[in-house]
PDB file of N, CA and C in Angstrom:
ATOM      1  N   MET A   1       2.583  13.622  11.594  1.00  0.00           N
ATOM      2  CA  MET A   1       2.465  12.181  11.615  1.00  0.00           C
ATOM      3  C   MET A   1       2.670  11.654  10.197  1.00  0.00           C
ATOM      4  N   CYS A   2       3.408  10.574  10.073  1.00  0.00           N
ATOM      5  CA  CYS A   2       3.654   9.936   8.785  1.00  0.00           C
ATOM      6  C   CYS A   2       2.741   8.735   8.633  1.00  0.00           C
ATOM      7  N   LEU A   3       2.401   8.440   7.404  1.00  0.00           N
ATOM      8  CA  LEU A   3       1.518   7.322   7.132  1.00  0.00           C
ATOM      9  C   LEU A   3       2.110   6.467   6.034  1.00  0.00           C
ATOM     10  N   ALA A   4       2.172   5.181   6.260  1.00  0.00           N
ATOM     11  CA  ALA A   4       2.558   4.226   5.225  1.00  0.00           C
ATOM     12  C   ALA A   4       1.293   3.506   4.789  1.00  0.00           C
ATOM     13  N   VAL A   5       1.175   3.273   3.487  1.00  0.00           N
ATOM     14  CA  VAL A   5      -0.006   2.600   2.971  1.00  0.00           C
ATOM     15  C   VAL A   5       0.374   1.219   2.440  1.00  0.00           C
ATOM     16  N   PRO A   6      -0.540   0.271   2.528  1.00  0.00           N
ATOM     17  CA  PRO A   6      -0.252  -1.070   2.040  1.00  0.00           C
ATOM     18  C   PRO A   6      -0.486  -1.182   0.539  1.00  0.00           C
ATOM     19  N   GLY A   7       0.292  -2.028  -0.101  1.00  0.00           N
ATOM     20  CA  GLY A   7       0.113  -2.283  -1.520  1.00  0.00           C
ATOM     21  C   GLY A   7       0.606  -3.669  -1.870  1.00  0.00           C
ATOM     22  N   LYS A   8       0.297  -4.088  -3.091  1.00  0.00           N
ATOM     23  CA  LYS A   8       0.703  -5.409  -3.576  1.00  0.00           C
ATOM     24  C   LYS A   8       1.478  -5.228  -4.875  1.00  0.00           C
ATOM     25  N   ILE A   9       2.675  -5.795  -4.937  1.00  0.00           N
ATOM     26  CA  ILE A   9       3.511  -5.680  -6.131  1.00  0.00           C
ATOM     27  C   ILE A   9       2.884  -6.486  -7.268  1.00  0.00           C
ATOM     28  N   THR A  10       2.706  -5.804  -8.429  1.00  0.00           N
ATOM     29  CA  THR A  10       2.128  -6.491  -9.588  1.00  0.00           C
ATOM     30  C   THR A  10       3.169  -6.744 -10.680  1.00  0.00           C
ATOM     31  N   THR A  11       4.133  -5.850 -10.841  1.00  0.00           N
ATOM     32  CA  THR A  11       5.240  -6.060 -11.782  1.00  0.00           C
ATOM     33  C   THR A  11       6.499  -5.416 -11.216  1.00  0.00           C
ATOM     34  N   ILE A  12       7.649  -5.912 -11.672  1.00  0.00           N
ATOM     35  CA  ILE A  12       8.933  -5.375 -11.222  1.00  0.00           C
ATOM     36  C   ILE A  12       9.811  -5.091 -12.437  1.00  0.00           C
ATOM     37  N   ASP A  13      10.464  -3.925 -12.408  1.00  0.00           N
ATOM     38  CA  ASP A  13      11.438  -3.547 -13.424  1.00  0.00           C
ATOM     39  C   ASP A  13      12.636  -2.936 -12.713  1.00  0.00           C
ATOM     40  N   ARG A  14      13.606  -3.769 -12.407  1.00  0.00           N
ATOM     41  CA  ARG A  14      14.824  -3.395 -11.676  1.00  0.00           C
ATOM     42  C   ARG A  14      14.491  -2.771 -10.324  1.00  0.00           C
ATOM     43  N   ALA A  15      14.741  -1.473 -10.143  1.00  0.00           N
ATOM     44  CA  ALA A  15      14.549  -0.820  -8.840  1.00  0.00           C
ATOM     45  C   ALA A  15      13.119  -0.326  -8.619  1.00  0.00           C
ATOM     46  N   TRP A  16      12.264  -0.552  -9.602  1.00  0.00           N
ATOM     47  CA  TRP A  16      10.888  -0.029  -9.516  1.00  0.00           C
ATOM     48  C   TRP A  16       9.879  -1.148  -9.675  1.00  0.00           C
ATOM     49  N   ALA A  17       8.747  -0.960  -9.033  1.00  0.00           N
ATOM     50  CA  ALA A  17       7.644  -1.921  -9.158  1.00  0.00           C
ATOM     51  C   ALA A  17       6.355  -1.150  -9.381  1.00  0.00           C
ATOM     52  N   VAL A  18       5.459  -1.765 -10.110  1.00  0.00           N
ATOM     53  CA  VAL A  18       4.093  -1.259 -10.176  1.00  0.00           C
ATOM     54  C   VAL A  18       3.358  -1.940  -9.036  1.00  0.00           C
ATOM     55  N   VAL A  19       2.694  -1.137  -8.216  1.00  0.00           N
ATOM     56  CA  VAL A  19       2.046  -1.634  -7.015  1.00  0.00           C
ATOM     57  C   VAL A  19       0.580  -1.233  -7.032  1.00  0.00           C
ATOM     58  N   ASP A  20      -0.270  -2.188  -6.684  1.00  0.00           N
ATOM     59  CA  ASP A  20      -1.699  -1.918  -6.555  1.00  0.00           C
ATOM     60  C   ASP A  20      -1.952  -1.399  -5.143  1.00  0.00           C
ATOM     61  N   ILE A  21      -2.395  -0.149  -5.074  1.00  0.00           N
ATOM     62  CA  ILE A  21      -2.719   0.470  -3.793  1.00  0.00           C
ATOM     63  C   ILE A  21      -4.208   0.821  -3.823  1.00  0.00           C
ATOM     64  N   MET A  22      -5.002  -0.036  -3.218  1.00  0.00           N
ATOM     65  CA  MET A  22      -6.447   0.154  -3.153  1.00  0.00           C
ATOM     66  C   MET A  22      -7.057   0.368  -4.538  1.00  0.00           C
ATOM     67  N   GLY A  23      -6.595  -0.442  -5.505  1.00  0.00           N
ATOM     68  CA  GLY A  23      -7.139  -0.397  -6.854  1.00  0.00           C
ATOM     69  C   GLY A  23      -6.469   0.595  -7.785  1.00  0.00           C
ATOM     70  N   ILE A  24      -5.516   1.349  -7.299  1.00  0.00           N
ATOM     71  CA  ILE A  24      -4.796   2.316  -8.121  1.00  0.00           C
ATOM     72  C   ILE A  24      -3.367   1.815  -8.316  1.00  0.00           C
ATOM     73  N   GLN A  25      -2.902   1.848  -9.564  1.00  0.00           N
ATOM     74  CA  GLN A  25      -1.557   1.385  -9.888  1.00  0.00           C
ATOM     75  C   GLN A  25      -0.576   2.547  -9.746  1.00  0.00           C
ATOM     76  N   ASN A  26       0.474   2.353  -8.947  1.00  0.00           N
ATOM     77  CA  ASN A  26       1.509   3.372  -8.740  1.00  0.00           C
ATOM     78  C   ASN A  26       2.875   2.754  -8.928  1.00  0.00           C
ATOM     79  N   SER A  27       3.815   3.575  -9.374  1.00  0.00           N
ATOM     80  CA  SER A  27       5.204   3.151  -9.468  1.00  0.00           C
ATOM     81  C   SER A  27       5.883   3.450  -8.138  1.00  0.00           C
ATOM     82  N   VAL A  28       6.567   2.447  -7.588  1.00  0.00           N
ATOM     83  CA  VAL A  28       7.165   2.548  -6.261  1.00  0.00           C
ATOM     84  C   VAL A  28       8.614   2.056  -6.334  1.00  0.00           C
ATOM     85  N   ASN A  29       9.523   2.772  -5.684  1.00  0.00           N
ATOM     86  CA  ASN A  29      10.904   2.332  -5.596  1.00  0.00           C
ATOM     87  C   ASN A  29      10.990   1.192  -4.584  1.00  0.00           C
ATOM     88  N   ILE A  30      11.652   0.096  -4.960  1.00  0.00           N
ATOM     89  CA  ILE A  30      11.704  -1.089  -4.099  1.00  0.00           C
ATOM     90  C   ILE A  30      13.127  -1.416  -3.628  1.00  0.00           C
ATOM     91  N   GLN A  31      14.034  -0.455  -3.710  1.00  0.00           N
ATOM     92  CA  GLN A  31      15.431  -0.717  -3.349  1.00  0.00           C
ATOM     93  C   GLN A  31      15.652  -0.917  -1.853  1.00  0.00           C
ATOM     94  N   LEU A  32      14.721  -0.485  -1.015  1.00  0.00           N
ATOM     95  CA  LEU A  32      14.915  -0.588   0.432  1.00  0.00           C
ATOM     96  C   LEU A  32      14.492  -1.929   1.025  1.00  0.00           C
ATOM     97  N   ILE A  33      13.844  -2.783   0.224  1.00  0.00           N
ATOM     98  CA  ILE A  33      13.419  -4.078   0.758  1.00  0.00           C
ATOM     99  C   ILE A  33      14.222  -5.206   0.108  1.00  0.00           C
ATOM    100  N   GLU A  34      14.398  -6.292   0.856  1.00  0.00           N
ATOM    101  CA  GLU A  34      15.166  -7.428   0.358  1.00  0.00           C
ATOM    102  C   GLU A  34      14.313  -8.341  -0.519  1.00  0.00           C
ATOM    103  N   ASN A  35      14.869  -8.740  -1.636  1.00  0.00           N
ATOM    104  CA  ASN A  35      14.269  -9.730  -2.532  1.00  0.00           C
ATOM    105  C   ASN A  35      12.788  -9.489  -2.823  1.00  0.00           C
ATOM    106  N   PRO A  36      12.436  -8.317  -3.344  1.00  0.00           N
ATOM    107  CA  PRO A  36      11.027  -8.105  -3.677  1.00  0.00           C
ATOM    108  C   PRO A  36      10.594  -9.019  -4.822  1.00  0.00           C
ATOM    109  N   GLU A  37       9.377  -9.515  -4.724  1.00  0.00           N
ATOM    110  CA  GLU A  37       8.827 -10.403  -5.744  1.00  0.00           C
ATOM    111  C   GLU A  37       7.400  -9.993  -6.064  1.00  0.00           C
ATOM    112  N   VAL A  38       6.975 -10.288  -7.287  1.00  0.00           N
ATOM    113  CA  VAL A  38       5.586 -10.054  -7.666  1.00  0.00           C
ATOM    114  C   VAL A  38       4.692 -10.836  -6.708  1.00  0.00           C
ATOM    115  N   GLY A  39       3.666 -10.176  -6.217  1.00  0.00           N
ATOM    116  CA  GLY A  39       2.753 -10.802  -5.272  1.00  0.00           C
ATOM    117  C   GLY A  39       3.033 -10.435  -3.824  1.00  0.00           C
ATOM    118  N   ASP A  40       4.220  -9.855  -3.553  1.00  0.00           N
ATOM    119  CA  ASP A  40       4.539  -9.441  -2.187  1.00  0.00           C
ATOM    120  C   ASP A  40       3.641  -8.289  -1.750  1.00  0.00           C
ATOM    121  N   TYR A  41       3.286  -8.298  -0.478  1.00  0.00           N
ATOM    122  CA  TYR A  41       2.568  -7.188   0.140  1.00  0.00           C
ATOM    123  C   TYR A  41       3.598  -6.318   0.840  1.00  0.00           C
ATOM    124  N   ILE A  42       3.469  -5.001   0.649  1.00  0.00           N
ATOM    125  CA  ILE A  42       4.464  -4.083   1.182  1.00  0.00           C
ATOM    126  C   ILE A  42       3.803  -2.859   1.798  1.00  0.00           C
ATOM    127  N   LEU A  43       4.571  -2.163   2.628  1.00  0.00           N
ATOM    128  CA  LEU A  43       4.174  -0.849   3.113  1.00  0.00           C
ATOM    129  C   LEU A  43       4.943   0.181   2.304  1.00  0.00           C
ATOM    130  N   ILE A  44       4.255   1.260   1.925  1.00  0.00           N
ATOM    131  CA  ILE A  44       4.829   2.288   1.066  1.00  0.00           C
ATOM    132  C   ILE A  44       4.747   3.627   1.772  1.00  0.00           C
ATOM    133  N   HIS A  45       5.866   4.345   1.757  1.00  0.00           N
ATOM    134  CA  HIS A  45       5.904   5.690   2.315  1.00  0.00           C
ATOM    135  C   HIS A  45       6.721   6.559   1.374  1.00  0.00           C
ATOM    136  N   ALA A  46       6.152   7.685   0.976  1.00  0.00           N
ATOM    137  CA  ALA A  46       6.842   8.659   0.123  1.00  0.00           C
ATOM    138  C   ALA A  46       7.392   8.030  -1.158  1.00  0.00           C
ATOM    139  N   GLY A  47       6.624   7.125  -1.750  1.00  0.00           N
ATOM    140  CA  GLY A  47       7.020   6.524  -3.014  1.00  0.00           C
ATOM    141  C   GLY A  47       8.025   5.402  -2.926  1.00  0.00           C
ATOM    142  N   CYS A  48       8.333   4.962  -1.694  1.00  0.00           N
ATOM    143  CA  CYS A  48       9.302   3.881  -1.501  1.00  0.00           C
ATOM    144  C   CYS A  48       8.687   2.754  -0.688  1.00  0.00           C
ATOM    145  N   ALA A  49       8.977   1.537  -1.111  1.00  0.00           N
ATOM    146  CA  ALA A  49       8.596   0.377  -0.294  1.00  0.00           C
ATOM    147  C   ALA A  49       9.532   0.347   0.903  1.00  0.00           C
ATOM    148  N   ILE A  50       8.955   0.263   2.103  1.00  0.00           N
ATOM    149  CA  ILE A  50       9.797   0.300   3.302  1.00  0.00           C
ATOM    150  C   ILE A  50       9.803  -1.019   4.071  1.00  0.00           C
ATOM    151  N   GLN A  51       8.842  -1.907   3.770  1.00  0.00           N
ATOM    152  CA  GLN A  51       8.775  -3.162   4.523  1.00  0.00           C
ATOM    153  C   GLN A  51       7.831  -4.128   3.827  1.00  0.00           C
ATOM    154  N   LYS A  52       8.200  -5.408   3.837  1.00  0.00           N
ATOM    155  CA  LYS A  52       7.265  -6.453   3.416  1.00  0.00           C
ATOM    156  C   LYS A  52       6.354  -6.750   4.591  1.00  0.00           C
ATOM    157  N   ILE A  53       5.097  -7.114   4.287  1.00  0.00           N
ATOM    158  CA  ILE A  53       4.147  -7.472   5.334  1.00  0.00           C
ATOM    159  C   ILE A  53       3.414  -8.754   4.944  1.00  0.00           C
ATOM    160  N   GLN A  54       2.825  -9.400   5.930  1.00  0.00           N
ATOM    161  CA  GLN A  54       2.044 -10.614   5.715  1.00  0.00           C
ATOM    162  C   GLN A  54       0.681 -10.267   5.119  1.00  0.00           C
ATOM    163  N   SER A  55       0.087 -11.204   4.406  1.00  0.00           N
ATOM    164  CA  SER A  55      -1.207 -10.959   3.757  1.00  0.00           C
ATOM    165  C   SER A  55      -2.300 -10.641   4.773  1.00  0.00           C
ATOM    166  N   GLU A  56      -2.242 -11.245   5.962  1.00  0.00           N
ATOM    167  CA  GLU A  56      -3.256 -10.978   6.980  1.00  0.00           C
ATOM    168  C   GLU A  56      -3.191  -9.518   7.450  1.00  0.00           C
ATOM    169  N   TYR A  57      -1.969  -9.023   7.646  1.00  0.00           N
ATOM    170  CA  TYR A  57      -1.792  -7.632   8.069  1.00  0.00           C
ATOM    171  C   TYR A  57      -2.210  -6.683   6.950  1.00  0.00           C
ATOM    172  N   PHE A  58      -1.897  -7.056   5.702  1.00  0.00           N
ATOM    173  CA  PHE A  58      -2.330  -6.275   4.549  1.00  0.00           C
ATOM    174  C   PHE A  58      -3.857  -6.150   4.546  1.00  0.00           C
ATOM    175  N   SER A  59      -4.556  -7.253   4.728  1.00  0.00           N
ATOM    176  CA  SER A  59      -6.030  -7.235   4.739  1.00  0.00           C
ATOM    177  C   SER A  59      -6.563  -6.368   5.868  1.00  0.00           C
ATOM    178  N   TYR A  60      -5.955  -6.474   7.032  1.00  0.00           N
ATOM    179  CA  TYR A  60      -6.355  -5.654   8.179  1.00  0.00           C
ATOM    180  C   TYR A  60      -6.185  -4.164   7.864  1.00  0.00           C
ATOM    181  N   LEU A  61      -5.037  -3.792   7.309  1.00  0.00           N
ATOM    182  CA  LEU A  61      -4.793  -2.383   6.986  1.00  0.00           C
ATOM    183  C   LEU A  61      -5.763  -1.873   5.918  1.00  0.00           C
ATOM    184  N   GLN A  62      -6.040  -2.706   4.912  1.00  0.00           N
ATOM    185  CA  GLN A  62      -7.005  -2.319   3.881  1.00  0.00           C
ATOM    186  C   GLN A  62      -8.373  -2.043   4.492  1.00  0.00           C
ATOM    187  N   THR A  63      -8.803  -2.915   5.391  1.00  0.00           N
ATOM    188  CA  THR A  63     -10.089  -2.741   6.057  1.00  0.00           C
ATOM    189  C   THR A  63     -10.120  -1.453   6.864  1.00  0.00           C
ATOM    190  N   MET A  64      -9.066  -1.199   7.615  1.00  0.00           N
ATOM    191  CA  MET A  64      -8.997   0.020   8.436  1.00  0.00           C
ATOM    192  C   MET A  64      -9.028   1.272   7.571  1.00  0.00           C
ATOM    193  N   LEU A  65      -8.265   1.279   6.478  1.00  0.00           N
ATOM    194  CA  LEU A  65      -8.256   2.453   5.597  1.00  0.00           C
ATOM    195  C   LEU A  65      -9.620   2.666   4.948  1.00  0.00           C
ATOM    196  N   ASN A  66     -10.271   1.586   4.529  1.00  0.00           N
ATOM    197  CA  ASN A  66     -11.607   1.711   3.955  1.00  0.00           C
ATOM    198  C   ASN A  66     -12.598   2.271   4.961  1.00  0.00           C
ATOM    199  N   GLU A  67     -12.522   1.818   6.207  1.00  0.00           N
ATOM    200  CA  GLU A  67     -13.415   2.331   7.246  1.00  0.00           C
ATOM    201  C   GLU A  67     -13.158   3.807   7.517  1.00  0.00           C
ATOM    202  N   LEU A  68     -11.890   4.203   7.532  1.00  0.00           N
ATOM    203  CA  LEU A  68     -11.555   5.615   7.734  1.00  0.00           C
ATOM    204  C   LEU A  68     -12.087   6.478   6.600  1.00  0.00           C
ATOM    205  N   MET A  69     -11.956   5.988   5.369  1.00  0.00           N
ATOM    206  CA  MET A  69     -12.463   6.756   4.221  1.00  0.00           C
ATOM    207  C   MET A  69     -13.979   6.837   4.257  1.00  0.00           C
ATOM    208  N   ASP A  70     -14.640   5.756   4.645  1.00  0.00           N
ATOM    209  CA  ASP A  70     -16.104   5.775   4.754  1.00  0.00           C
ATOM    210  C   ASP A  70     -16.543   6.769   5.821  1.00  0.00           C
ATOM    211  N   LYS A  71     -15.862   6.777   6.954  1.00  0.00           N
ATOM    212  CA  LYS A  71     -16.182   7.706   8.043  1.00  0.00           C
ATOM    213  C   LYS A  71     -15.972   9.145   7.590  1.00  0.00           C
ATOM    214  N   ASP A  72     -14.886   9.408   6.867  1.00  0.00           N
ATOM    215  CA  ASP A  72     -14.596  10.751   6.377  1.00  0.00           C
ATOM    216  C   ASP A  72     -15.685  11.190   5.396  1.00  0.00           C
ATOM    217  N   ASN A  73     -16.148  10.288   4.535  1.00  0.00           N
ATOM    218  CA  ASN A  73     -17.216  10.625   3.578  1.00  0.00           C
ATOM    219  C   ASN A  73     -18.518  10.929   4.316  1.00  0.00           C
ATOM    220  N   GLU A  74     -18.806  10.186   5.375  1.00  0.00           N
ATOM    221  CA  GLU A  74     -20.014  10.448   6.161  1.00  0.00           C
ATOM    222  C   GLU A  74     -19.944  11.822   6.802  1.00  0.00           C
ATOM    223  N   ASP A  75     -18.769  12.192   7.342  1.00  0.00           N
ATOM    224  CA  ASP A  75     -18.598  13.498   7.969  1.00  0.00           C
ATOM    225  C   ASP A  75     -18.775  14.621   6.969  1.00  0.00           C
ATOM    226  N   GLU A  76     -18.289  14.435   5.739  1.00  0.00           N
ATOM    227  CA  GLU A  76     -18.441  15.461   4.710  1.00  0.00           C
ATOM    228  C   GLU A  76     -19.888  15.623   4.288  1.00  0.00           C
ATOM    229  N   ASP A  77     -20.639  14.538   4.311  1.00  0.00           N
ATOM    230  CA  ASP A  77     -22.054  14.579   3.927  1.00  0.00           C
ATOM    231  C   ASP A  77     -22.950  15.083   5.038  1.00  0.00           C
ATOM    232  N   GLY A  78     -22.368  15.317   6.218  1.00  0.00           N
ATOM    233  CA  GLY A  78     -23.148  15.825   7.353  1.00  0.00           C
ATOM    234  C   GLY A  78     -23.961  14.777   8.067  1.00  0.00           C
ATOM    235  N   GLN A  79     -23.583  13.529   7.920  1.00  0.00           N
ATOM    236  CA  GLN A  79     -24.328  12.455   8.584  1.00  0.00           C
ATOM    237  C   GLN A  79     -23.662  12.061   9.862  1.00  0.00           C
TER     238      GLN A  79
END
């Protein structure tokens, strides 16, 4: 199964952007999306932006990922 993660573009330098992914800054290739701009919300897979998304969907995905990580931490702690 493949997973794309949501991020927000913070800076752009030609074909690359710095993207905030859950508080971590990563360099992402943005050549696959049309007219990327600072502030855009995107889905990222394998280091490439694959799709722009709406802010509401971005918030939903962030919430889901946070809940999954919290659940995984609970399982590791034996709770």
